[in-house]
């Protein structure tokens, strides 16, 4: 009897007052609550809940409706130009010549050379640009045109120090450069 008393005294005075004792007591309480809940709830159907999977794939479109992708397999329409207006090739060549500039050209002259070939959006973006910052000196090959739609063309122009990428748009059949991107080569 004395051994039981000493064991209870040790448990109440030392173990349950320590962090380890409190953690063990909490674990016993939590597992007791979980066990009681399982006994009260009874056995459940294992097919219910998260383990229930559909027997067929879930489709959100009609599988026989055809290709609904953004990029079609058709070749893009050739660019259309208003009669008497510049073609995309001419616009790209003239813009590149104006963009490259010439020695001794002022920033104002440089901007004026590109203004008639650019959209108002591009003119605004190039407002603070300086021709001295143009990283190329000359065209090395003819521009490659990639028509995307009837009114949108991408032009890739190889230069001596990289490649210039132009996006040309023709909202009314007259071609303008809308974006300029430089890729160091």
N, C-alpha and C. Protein backbone atom coordinates (compact mmCIF):
# COMPACT_ATOMS: atom_id res chain seq x y z
N UNK A 1 0.81 -1.18 0.00
CA UNK A 1 0.00 0.00 0.00
C UNK A 1 0.86 1.25 0.00
N UNK A 2 1.98 1.12 0.64
CA UNK A 2 2.88 2.25 0.72
C UNK A 2 3.45 2.59 -0.65
N UNK A 3 3.65 1.56 -1.49
CA UNK A 3 4.20 1.79 -2.83
C UNK A 3 3.19 2.52 -3.72
N UNK A 4 1.92 2.20 -3.56
CA UNK A 4 0.88 2.87 -4.34
C UNK A 4 0.79 4.33 -3.93
N UNK A 5 0.88 4.56 -2.62
CA UNK A 5 0.81 5.94 -2.12
C UNK A 5 1.99 6.75 -2.64
N UNK A 6 3.18 6.19 -2.61
CA UNK A 6 4.35 6.91 -3.12
C UNK A 6 4.23 7.16 -4.63
N UNK A 7 3.69 6.22 -5.36
CA UNK A 7 3.52 6.40 -6.81
C UNK A 7 2.54 7.52 -7.09
N UNK A 8 1.42 7.55 -6.36
CA UNK A 8 0.44 8.63 -6.55
C UNK A 8 1.02 9.98 -6.13
N UNK A 9 1.72 10.00 -5.07
CA UNK A 9 2.35 11.24 -4.59
C UNK A 9 3.36 11.75 -5.62
N UNK A 10 4.17 10.84 -6.18
CA UNK A 10 5.15 11.21 -7.20
C UNK A 10 4.44 11.75 -8.45
N UNK A 11 3.34 11.08 -8.83
CA UNK A 11 2.59 11.49 -10.01
C UNK A 11 1.99 12.87 -9.81
N UNK A 12 1.37 13.13 -8.68
CA UNK A 12 0.69 14.40 -8.44
C UNK A 12 1.65 15.56 -8.14
N UNK A 13 2.75 15.29 -7.51
CA UNK A 13 3.64 16.38 -7.11
C UNK A 13 4.72 16.68 -8.15
N UNK A 14 5.12 15.73 -8.94
CA UNK A 14 6.24 15.98 -9.85
C UNK A 14 5.85 15.87 -11.32
N UNK A 15 5.27 14.76 -11.72
CA UNK A 15 5.02 14.52 -13.14
C UNK A 15 3.95 15.46 -13.68
N UNK A 16 2.81 15.56 -13.01
CA UNK A 16 1.72 16.39 -13.54
C UNK A 16 2.02 17.89 -13.44
N UNK A 17 2.99 18.30 -12.68
CA UNK A 17 3.35 19.70 -12.60
C UNK A 17 4.41 20.07 -13.65
N UNK A 18 4.94 19.11 -14.36
CA UNK A 18 5.95 19.40 -15.39
C UNK A 18 5.26 19.58 -16.74
N UNK A 19 5.97 20.10 -17.70
CA UNK A 19 5.43 20.30 -19.06
C UNK A 19 5.13 18.96 -19.72
N UNK A 20 5.99 18.02 -19.53
CA UNK A 20 5.79 16.69 -20.09
C UNK A 20 4.52 16.06 -19.52
N UNK A 21 4.31 16.20 -18.25
CA UNK A 21 3.12 15.64 -17.62
C UNK A 21 1.85 16.28 -18.15
N UNK A 22 1.87 17.59 -18.34
CA UNK A 22 0.70 18.29 -18.88
C UNK A 22 0.44 17.85 -20.31
N UNK A 23 1.49 17.70 -21.11
CA UNK A 23 1.33 17.26 -22.50
C UNK A 23 0.74 15.86 -22.56
N UNK A 24 1.19 14.98 -21.69
CA UNK A 24 0.66 13.61 -21.66
C UNK A 24 -0.81 13.62 -21.24
N UNK A 25 -1.14 14.44 -20.26
CA UNK A 25 -2.52 14.51 -19.80
C UNK A 25 -3.44 15.04 -20.91
N UNK A 26 -3.00 16.05 -21.64
CA UNK A 26 -3.80 16.59 -22.76
C UNK A 26 -3.97 15.56 -23.86
N UNK A 27 -2.92 14.81 -24.16
CA UNK A 27 -3.02 13.77 -25.19
C UNK A 27 -4.03 12.71 -24.79
N UNK A 28 -4.04 12.32 -23.52
CA UNK A 28 -5.00 11.33 -23.03
C UNK A 28 -6.42 11.86 -23.18
N UNK A 29 -6.63 13.14 -22.86
CA UNK A 29 -7.97 13.73 -22.98
C UNK A 29 -8.42 13.77 -24.44
N UNK A 30 -7.52 14.21 -25.36
CA UNK A 30 -7.88 14.31 -26.78
C UNK A 30 -8.21 12.94 -27.34
N UNK A 31 -7.36 11.94 -27.09
CA UNK A 31 -7.64 10.60 -27.60
C UNK A 31 -8.90 10.02 -26.97
N UNK A 32 -9.19 10.38 -25.75
CA UNK A 32 -10.43 9.93 -25.11
C UNK A 32 -11.65 10.51 -25.80
N UNK A 33 -11.60 11.79 -26.17
CA UNK A 33 -12.73 12.43 -26.87
C UNK A 33 -12.90 11.82 -28.26
N UNK A 34 -11.81 11.60 -28.98
CA UNK A 34 -11.89 11.00 -30.33
C UNK A 34 -12.46 9.58 -30.24
N UNK A 35 -12.01 8.80 -29.29
CA UNK A 35 -12.51 7.44 -29.12
C UNK A 35 -13.99 7.43 -28.79
N UNK A 36 -14.43 8.32 -27.91
CA UNK A 36 -15.84 8.39 -27.55
C UNK A 36 -16.69 8.80 -28.75
N UNK A 37 -16.18 9.74 -29.57
CA UNK A 37 -16.93 10.18 -30.75
C UNK A 37 -17.08 9.04 -31.75
N UNK A 38 -16.07 8.23 -31.92
CA UNK A 38 -16.14 7.09 -32.85
C UNK A 38 -17.11 6.03 -32.35
N UNK A 39 -17.14 5.83 -31.05
CA UNK A 39 -18.08 4.85 -30.50
C UNK A 39 -19.52 5.32 -30.69
N UNK A 40 -19.78 6.60 -30.49
CA UNK A 40 -21.14 7.15 -30.62
C UNK A 40 -21.56 7.18 -32.08
N UNK A 41 -20.64 7.57 -33.00
CA UNK A 41 -20.99 7.72 -34.42
C UNK A 41 -21.22 6.39 -35.10
N UNK A 42 -20.59 5.35 -34.67
CA UNK A 42 -20.76 4.05 -35.30
C UNK A 42 -19.92 3.95 -36.56
N UNK A 43 -20.13 2.84 -37.28
CA UNK A 43 -19.33 2.65 -38.49
C UNK A 43 -19.99 3.40 -39.64
N UNK A 44 -19.17 4.06 -40.46
CA UNK A 44 -19.67 4.83 -41.59
C UNK A 44 -19.42 4.12 -42.90
N UNK A 45 -20.07 4.61 -43.95
CA UNK A 45 -19.88 4.04 -45.28
C UNK A 45 -18.55 4.55 -45.82
N UNK A 46 -17.60 3.66 -46.17
CA UNK A 46 -16.30 4.12 -46.65
C UNK A 46 -16.37 4.80 -48.02
N UNK A 47 -17.48 4.63 -48.75
CA UNK A 47 -17.61 5.26 -50.07
C UNK A 47 -17.97 6.74 -49.95
N UNK A 48 -18.39 7.18 -48.79
CA UNK A 48 -18.76 8.59 -48.60
C UNK A 48 -17.54 9.42 -48.28
N UNK A 49 -17.64 10.71 -48.46
CA UNK A 49 -16.57 11.62 -48.07
C UNK A 49 -15.57 11.85 -49.17
N UNK A 50 -14.34 12.09 -48.79
CA UNK A 50 -13.31 12.43 -49.74
C UNK A 50 -12.88 11.28 -50.63
N UNK A 51 -13.15 10.08 -50.23
CA UNK A 51 -12.71 8.93 -51.03
C UNK A 51 -13.67 8.63 -52.18
N UNK A 52 -14.78 9.32 -52.28
CA UNK A 52 -15.75 9.08 -53.35
C UNK A 52 -15.26 9.76 -54.63
N UNK A 53 -14.88 8.97 -55.63
CA UNK A 53 -14.37 9.51 -56.89
C UNK A 53 -15.38 9.23 -58.00
N UNK A 54 -15.46 10.13 -59.00
CA UNK A 54 -16.38 9.86 -60.11
C UNK A 54 -15.90 8.69 -60.95
N UNK A 55 -16.83 8.00 -61.58
CA UNK A 55 -16.47 6.84 -62.38
C UNK A 55 -15.96 7.24 -63.76
N UNK A 56 -16.29 8.48 -64.22
CA UNK A 56 -15.83 8.97 -65.51
C UNK A 56 -15.20 10.35 -65.33
N UNK A 57 -14.38 10.79 -66.29
CA UNK A 57 -13.80 12.13 -66.16
C UNK A 57 -14.87 13.21 -66.22
N UNK A 58 -14.65 14.28 -65.50
CA UNK A 58 -15.58 15.40 -65.50
C UNK A 58 -15.23 16.29 -66.68
N UNK A 59 -16.17 16.54 -67.58
CA UNK A 59 -15.93 17.40 -68.73
C UNK A 59 -16.71 18.69 -68.57
N UNK A 60 -16.09 19.78 -69.02
CA UNK A 60 -16.76 21.07 -68.93
C UNK A 60 -17.18 21.59 -70.29
N UNK A 61 -16.74 20.93 -71.36
CA UNK A 61 -17.14 21.28 -72.72
C UNK A 61 -17.58 20.02 -73.44
N UNK A 62 -18.32 20.19 -74.50
CA UNK A 62 -18.75 19.06 -75.30
C UNK A 62 -17.54 18.48 -76.01
N UNK A 63 -17.18 17.20 -75.81
CA UNK A 63 -15.97 16.64 -76.41
C UNK A 63 -16.01 16.60 -77.94
N UNK A 64 -17.20 16.60 -78.53
CA UNK A 64 -17.30 16.53 -79.98
C UNK A 64 -17.51 17.90 -80.62
N UNK A 65 -17.35 18.99 -79.85
CA UNK A 65 -17.64 20.33 -80.37
C UNK A 65 -16.54 20.86 -81.28
N UNK A 66 -15.38 20.25 -81.34
CA UNK A 66 -14.30 20.75 -82.19
C UNK A 66 -13.24 21.44 -81.36
N UNK A 67 -12.27 22.04 -82.04
CA UNK A 67 -11.16 22.71 -81.38
C UNK A 67 -11.61 24.06 -80.85
N UNK A 68 -11.48 24.26 -79.55
CA UNK A 68 -11.84 25.54 -78.96
C UNK A 68 -10.61 26.32 -78.51
N UNK A 69 -9.44 25.97 -79.03
CA UNK A 69 -8.19 26.62 -78.64
C UNK A 69 -8.07 28.02 -79.23
N UNK A 70 -7.17 28.81 -78.66
CA UNK A 70 -6.95 30.18 -79.11
C UNK A 70 -6.26 30.19 -80.47
N UNK A 71 -5.26 29.35 -80.63
CA UNK A 71 -4.50 29.34 -81.87
C UNK A 71 -5.07 28.26 -82.76
N UNK A 72 -5.55 28.66 -83.92
CA UNK A 72 -6.12 27.71 -84.85
C UNK A 72 -5.04 27.11 -85.73
N UNK A 73 -5.40 26.08 -86.44
CA UNK A 73 -4.45 25.43 -87.34
C UNK A 73 -4.39 26.15 -88.68
N UNK A 74 -5.32 27.06 -88.93
CA UNK A 74 -5.32 27.80 -90.18
C UNK A 74 -4.14 28.77 -90.22
N UNK A 75 -3.66 29.02 -91.42
CA UNK A 75 -2.61 30.02 -91.57
C UNK A 75 -3.23 31.39 -91.38
N UNK A 76 -2.50 32.32 -90.77
CA UNK A 76 -3.09 33.64 -90.54
C UNK A 76 -3.38 34.35 -91.86
N UNK A 77 -4.38 35.19 -91.82
CA UNK A 77 -4.74 35.95 -93.01
C UNK A 77 -3.61 36.90 -93.38
N UNK A 78 -3.44 37.13 -94.66
CA UNK A 78 -2.38 38.04 -95.07
C UNK A 78 -2.77 39.46 -94.71
N UNK A 79 -1.80 40.28 -94.36
CA UNK A 79 -2.09 41.65 -93.94
C UNK A 79 -2.76 42.45 -95.07
N UNK A 80 -3.72 43.25 -94.68
CA UNK A 80 -4.40 44.09 -95.67
C UNK A 80 -3.90 45.52 -95.54
N UNK A 81 -3.74 46.15 -96.70
CA UNK A 81 -3.25 47.52 -96.75
C UNK A 81 -4.22 48.36 -97.57
N UNK A 82 -4.48 49.55 -97.11
CA UNK A 82 -5.34 50.46 -97.84
C UNK A 82 -4.63 50.87 -99.14
N UNK A 83 -5.35 51.02 -100.24
CA UNK A 83 -4.70 51.41 -101.50
C UNK A 83 -3.93 52.73 -101.34
N UNK A 84 -2.70 52.72 -101.81
CA UNK A 84 -1.84 53.89 -101.74
C UNK A 84 -1.09 54.05 -100.42
N UNK A 85 -1.37 53.20 -99.45
CA UNK A 85 -0.69 53.28 -98.14
C UNK A 85 0.54 52.37 -98.15
N UNK A 86 1.42 52.57 -97.16
CA UNK A 86 2.63 51.75 -97.02
C UNK A 86 2.26 50.32 -96.62
N UNK A 87 3.03 49.38 -97.13
CA UNK A 87 2.87 47.98 -96.71
C UNK A 87 3.56 47.81 -95.36
N UNK A 88 3.32 46.69 -94.67
CA UNK A 88 4.03 46.45 -93.41
C UNK A 88 5.55 46.42 -93.60
N UNK A 89 6.02 45.84 -94.71
CA UNK A 89 7.46 45.79 -94.97
C UNK A 89 8.04 47.20 -95.10
N UNK A 90 7.37 48.05 -95.87
CA UNK A 90 7.85 49.42 -96.05
C UNK A 90 7.85 50.18 -94.74
N UNK A 91 6.79 50.01 -93.96
CA UNK A 91 6.71 50.71 -92.68
C UNK A 91 7.82 50.26 -91.76
N UNK A 92 8.06 48.93 -91.70
CA UNK A 92 9.12 48.41 -90.83
C UNK A 92 10.49 48.92 -91.28
N UNK A 93 10.77 48.88 -92.59
CA UNK A 93 12.07 49.35 -93.09
C UNK A 93 12.28 50.83 -92.79
N UNK A 94 11.28 51.64 -93.03
CA UNK A 94 11.41 53.08 -92.77
C UNK A 94 11.56 53.37 -91.28
N UNK A 95 10.82 52.63 -90.45
CA UNK A 95 10.92 52.86 -89.01
C UNK A 95 12.31 52.49 -88.51
N UNK A 96 12.84 51.36 -88.96
CA UNK A 96 14.17 50.92 -88.52
C UNK A 96 15.22 51.95 -88.94
N UNK A 97 15.12 52.48 -90.17
CA UNK A 97 16.06 53.50 -90.62
C UNK A 97 15.97 54.74 -89.73
N UNK A 98 14.74 55.14 -89.37
CA UNK A 98 14.57 56.31 -88.49
C UNK A 98 15.06 55.99 -87.08
N UNK A 99 14.83 54.77 -86.61
CA UNK A 99 15.24 54.38 -85.25
C UNK A 99 16.76 54.35 -85.12
N UNK A 100 17.43 53.85 -86.15
CA UNK A 100 18.89 53.82 -86.13
C UNK A 100 19.48 55.22 -86.22
N UNK A 101 18.78 56.14 -86.92
CA UNK A 101 19.23 57.52 -87.01
C UNK A 101 20.52 57.66 -87.80
N UNK A 102 21.14 58.81 -87.62
CA UNK A 102 22.43 59.08 -88.28
C UNK A 102 23.28 59.89 -87.31
N UNK A 103 24.58 59.89 -87.50
CA UNK A 103 25.46 60.63 -86.59
C UNK A 103 25.12 62.13 -86.56
N UNK A 104 25.19 62.71 -85.39
CA UNK A 104 24.93 64.13 -85.21
C UNK A 104 23.47 64.51 -85.15
N UNK A 105 22.58 63.54 -85.16
CA UNK A 105 21.13 63.80 -85.13
C UNK A 105 20.70 64.19 -83.72
N UNK A 106 19.87 65.20 -83.61
CA UNK A 106 19.36 65.61 -82.30
C UNK A 106 18.19 64.70 -81.92
N UNK A 107 17.86 64.70 -80.65
CA UNK A 107 16.74 63.89 -80.17
C UNK A 107 15.44 64.33 -80.83
N UNK A 108 15.29 65.62 -81.04
CA UNK A 108 14.06 66.14 -81.67
C UNK A 108 13.93 65.63 -83.11
N UNK A 109 15.02 65.65 -83.86
CA UNK A 109 15.00 65.14 -85.24
C UNK A 109 14.72 63.64 -85.26
N UNK A 110 15.30 62.94 -84.32
CA UNK A 110 15.10 61.50 -84.23
C UNK A 110 13.62 61.18 -83.99
N UNK A 111 13.00 61.87 -83.02
CA UNK A 111 11.58 61.66 -82.73
C UNK A 111 10.71 62.02 -83.92
N UNK A 112 11.03 63.11 -84.61
CA UNK A 112 10.25 63.54 -85.77
C UNK A 112 10.33 62.52 -86.91
N UNK A 113 11.47 61.84 -87.04
CA UNK A 113 11.61 60.83 -88.07
C UNK A 113 10.74 59.60 -87.82
N UNK A 114 10.50 59.29 -86.55
CA UNK A 114 9.68 58.10 -86.21
C UNK A 114 8.19 58.42 -86.03
N UNK A 115 7.87 59.68 -85.77
CA UNK A 115 6.48 60.06 -85.46
C UNK A 115 5.48 59.64 -86.54
N UNK A 116 5.72 59.89 -87.85
CA UNK A 116 4.70 59.51 -88.84
C UNK A 116 4.55 58.00 -89.04
N UNK A 117 5.48 57.22 -88.50
CA UNK A 117 5.44 55.76 -88.65
C UNK A 117 4.96 55.06 -87.38
N UNK A 118 4.67 55.81 -86.32
CA UNK A 118 4.35 55.25 -85.01
C UNK A 118 2.92 55.59 -84.60
N UNK A 119 2.37 54.73 -83.74
CA UNK A 119 1.07 55.02 -83.14
C UNK A 119 1.26 56.09 -82.06
N UNK A 120 0.21 56.82 -81.69
CA UNK A 120 0.34 57.80 -80.60
C UNK A 120 0.83 57.16 -79.30
N UNK A 121 0.46 55.92 -79.06
CA UNK A 121 0.91 55.21 -77.86
C UNK A 121 2.43 55.05 -77.86
N UNK A 122 3.01 54.66 -78.98
CA UNK A 122 4.46 54.48 -79.06
C UNK A 122 5.17 55.83 -79.00
N UNK A 123 4.61 56.85 -79.62
CA UNK A 123 5.21 58.19 -79.55
C UNK A 123 5.31 58.63 -78.10
N UNK A 124 4.27 58.38 -77.31
CA UNK A 124 4.29 58.75 -75.89
C UNK A 124 5.34 57.95 -75.13
N UNK A 125 5.49 56.66 -75.45
CA UNK A 125 6.47 55.83 -74.76
C UNK A 125 7.91 56.25 -75.08
N UNK A 126 8.14 56.72 -76.30
CA UNK A 126 9.48 57.11 -76.72
C UNK A 126 9.81 58.57 -76.42
N UNK A 127 8.91 59.29 -75.75
CA UNK A 127 9.07 60.72 -75.52
C UNK A 127 10.39 61.06 -74.83
N UNK A 128 10.84 60.31 -73.87
CA UNK A 128 12.06 60.64 -73.15
C UNK A 128 13.29 59.92 -73.67
N UNK A 129 13.15 59.15 -74.74
CA UNK A 129 14.27 58.36 -75.26
C UNK A 129 15.27 59.25 -75.98
N UNK A 130 16.53 58.82 -75.99
CA UNK A 130 17.62 59.56 -76.61
C UNK A 130 18.24 58.69 -77.70
N UNK A 131 18.48 59.24 -78.91
CA UNK A 131 19.05 58.43 -79.99
C UNK A 131 20.45 57.90 -79.67
N UNK A 132 21.14 58.53 -78.75
CA UNK A 132 22.46 58.05 -78.36
C UNK A 132 22.37 56.69 -77.66
N UNK A 133 21.19 56.35 -77.12
CA UNK A 133 21.01 55.08 -76.42
C UNK A 133 20.64 53.93 -77.33
N UNK A 134 20.51 54.16 -78.64
CA UNK A 134 20.19 53.08 -79.58
C UNK A 134 21.40 52.14 -79.64
N UNK A 135 21.20 50.85 -79.30
CA UNK A 135 22.33 49.93 -79.16
C UNK A 135 22.83 49.30 -80.47
N UNK A 136 22.38 49.77 -81.63
CA UNK A 136 22.78 49.15 -82.89
C UNK A 136 23.21 50.22 -83.88
N UNK A 137 23.87 49.77 -84.94
CA UNK A 137 24.35 50.71 -85.93
C UNK A 137 23.80 50.49 -87.31
N UNK A 138 23.55 49.20 -87.69
CA UNK A 138 23.09 48.95 -89.04
C UNK A 138 22.30 47.65 -89.12
N UNK A 139 21.48 47.55 -90.18
CA UNK A 139 20.70 46.35 -90.46
C UNK A 139 21.62 45.35 -91.15
N UNK A 140 21.57 44.08 -90.72
CA UNK A 140 22.43 43.06 -91.33
C UNK A 140 21.67 42.17 -92.32
N UNK A 141 20.37 42.00 -92.14
CA UNK A 141 19.56 41.18 -93.04
C UNK A 141 18.20 41.84 -93.21
N UNK A 142 17.46 41.34 -94.18
CA UNK A 142 16.11 41.84 -94.43
C UNK A 142 15.18 41.42 -93.28
N UNK A 143 14.20 42.25 -93.00
CA UNK A 143 13.24 41.96 -91.93
C UNK A 143 12.39 40.75 -92.26
N UNK A 144 12.07 39.98 -91.24
CA UNK A 144 11.17 38.84 -91.37
C UNK A 144 9.83 39.24 -90.80
N UNK A 145 8.77 39.11 -91.60
CA UNK A 145 7.43 39.47 -91.14
C UNK A 145 6.66 38.22 -90.74
N UNK A 146 6.00 38.30 -89.59
CA UNK A 146 5.16 37.21 -89.10
C UNK A 146 3.74 37.74 -88.96
N UNK A 147 2.89 37.53 -89.97
CA UNK A 147 1.52 38.02 -89.87
C UNK A 147 0.74 37.25 -88.80
N UNK A 148 0.08 37.97 -87.93
CA UNK A 148 -0.74 37.35 -86.89
C UNK A 148 -2.22 37.43 -87.26
N UNK A 149 -2.65 38.59 -87.73
CA UNK A 149 -4.02 38.78 -88.24
C UNK A 149 -3.94 39.71 -89.44
N UNK A 150 -5.08 40.10 -89.98
CA UNK A 150 -5.10 41.02 -91.11
C UNK A 150 -4.57 42.40 -90.73
N UNK A 151 -4.66 42.74 -89.45
CA UNK A 151 -4.26 44.08 -89.03
C UNK A 151 -3.16 44.08 -87.96
N UNK A 152 -2.48 42.96 -87.78
CA UNK A 152 -1.39 42.88 -86.81
C UNK A 152 -0.27 42.01 -87.37
N UNK A 153 0.95 42.58 -87.41
CA UNK A 153 2.12 41.89 -87.94
C UNK A 153 3.28 42.10 -86.98
N UNK A 154 4.07 41.06 -86.80
CA UNK A 154 5.30 41.17 -86.01
C UNK A 154 6.47 41.14 -86.99
N UNK A 155 7.39 42.09 -86.85
CA UNK A 155 8.56 42.16 -87.73
C UNK A 155 9.82 41.94 -86.90
N UNK A 156 10.68 41.04 -87.35
CA UNK A 156 11.96 40.76 -86.69
C UNK A 156 13.07 41.25 -87.62
N UNK A 157 13.86 42.22 -87.12
CA UNK A 157 14.89 42.85 -87.94
C UNK A 157 16.27 42.55 -87.34
N UNK A 158 17.09 41.74 -88.01
CA UNK A 158 18.45 41.47 -87.52
C UNK A 158 19.35 42.70 -87.68
N UNK A 159 20.02 43.07 -86.63
CA UNK A 159 20.94 44.21 -86.64
C UNK A 159 22.33 43.73 -86.26
N UNK A 160 23.31 44.62 -86.35
CA UNK A 160 24.70 44.23 -86.09
C UNK A 160 24.96 43.80 -84.65
N UNK A 161 24.17 44.25 -83.69
CA UNK A 161 24.42 43.88 -82.29
C UNK A 161 23.24 43.17 -81.63
N UNK A 162 22.26 42.75 -82.41
CA UNK A 162 21.11 42.07 -81.83
C UNK A 162 19.96 41.99 -82.82
N UNK A 163 18.75 41.98 -82.27
CA UNK A 163 17.56 41.89 -83.10
C UNK A 163 16.50 42.85 -82.57
N UNK A 164 15.88 43.55 -83.50
CA UNK A 164 14.80 44.48 -83.18
C UNK A 164 13.49 43.81 -83.52
N UNK A 165 12.55 43.82 -82.57
CA UNK A 165 11.22 43.25 -82.80
C UNK A 165 10.21 44.37 -82.80
N UNK A 166 9.46 44.49 -83.89
CA UNK A 166 8.45 45.53 -84.03
C UNK A 166 7.07 44.89 -84.10
N UNK A 167 6.11 45.53 -83.48
CA UNK A 167 4.72 45.12 -83.63
C UNK A 167 4.03 46.20 -84.44
N UNK A 168 3.50 45.83 -85.60
CA UNK A 168 2.83 46.77 -86.48
C UNK A 168 1.33 46.51 -86.46
N UNK A 169 0.58 47.59 -86.44
CA UNK A 169 -0.88 47.50 -86.45
C UNK A 169 -1.43 48.36 -87.58
N UNK A 170 -2.57 47.95 -88.10
CA UNK A 170 -3.24 48.71 -89.16
C UNK A 170 -4.73 48.76 -88.85
N UNK A 171 -5.14 49.65 -87.94
CA UNK A 171 -6.55 49.68 -87.57
C UNK A 171 -7.46 50.06 -88.74
N UNK A 172 -6.95 50.85 -89.69
CA UNK A 172 -7.78 51.27 -90.83
C UNK A 172 -7.10 50.99 -92.17
N UNK A 173 -6.18 50.03 -92.18
CA UNK A 173 -5.48 49.68 -93.41
C UNK A 173 -4.18 50.43 -93.62
N UNK A 174 -3.85 51.36 -92.73
CA UNK A 174 -2.59 52.08 -92.79
C UNK A 174 -1.71 51.59 -91.65
N UNK A 175 -0.48 51.14 -91.96
CA UNK A 175 0.38 50.46 -91.00
C UNK A 175 1.20 51.43 -90.17
N UNK A 176 1.24 51.15 -88.84
CA UNK A 176 2.03 51.93 -87.89
C UNK A 176 2.73 50.97 -86.93
N UNK A 177 3.88 51.39 -86.42
CA UNK A 177 4.59 50.61 -85.41
C UNK A 177 3.98 50.95 -84.06
N UNK A 178 3.59 49.91 -83.31
CA UNK A 178 2.95 50.12 -82.01
C UNK A 178 3.84 49.74 -80.84
N UNK A 179 4.85 48.87 -81.07
CA UNK A 179 5.74 48.44 -79.99
C UNK A 179 7.11 48.13 -80.55
N UNK A 180 8.14 48.44 -79.76
CA UNK A 180 9.53 48.18 -80.14
C UNK A 180 10.16 47.39 -78.99
N UNK A 181 10.86 46.32 -79.36
CA UNK A 181 11.55 45.53 -78.34
C UNK A 181 12.94 45.19 -78.87
N UNK A 182 13.93 45.31 -78.04
CA UNK A 182 15.32 45.04 -78.43
C UNK A 182 15.80 43.79 -77.75
N UNK A 183 16.40 42.88 -78.53
CA UNK A 183 16.99 41.67 -78.00
C UNK A 183 18.47 41.68 -78.31
N UNK A 184 19.30 41.74 -77.29
CA UNK A 184 20.76 41.76 -77.46
C UNK A 184 21.21 40.43 -78.06
N UNK A 185 22.13 40.51 -79.04
CA UNK A 185 22.54 39.27 -79.70
C UNK A 185 23.93 38.85 -79.40
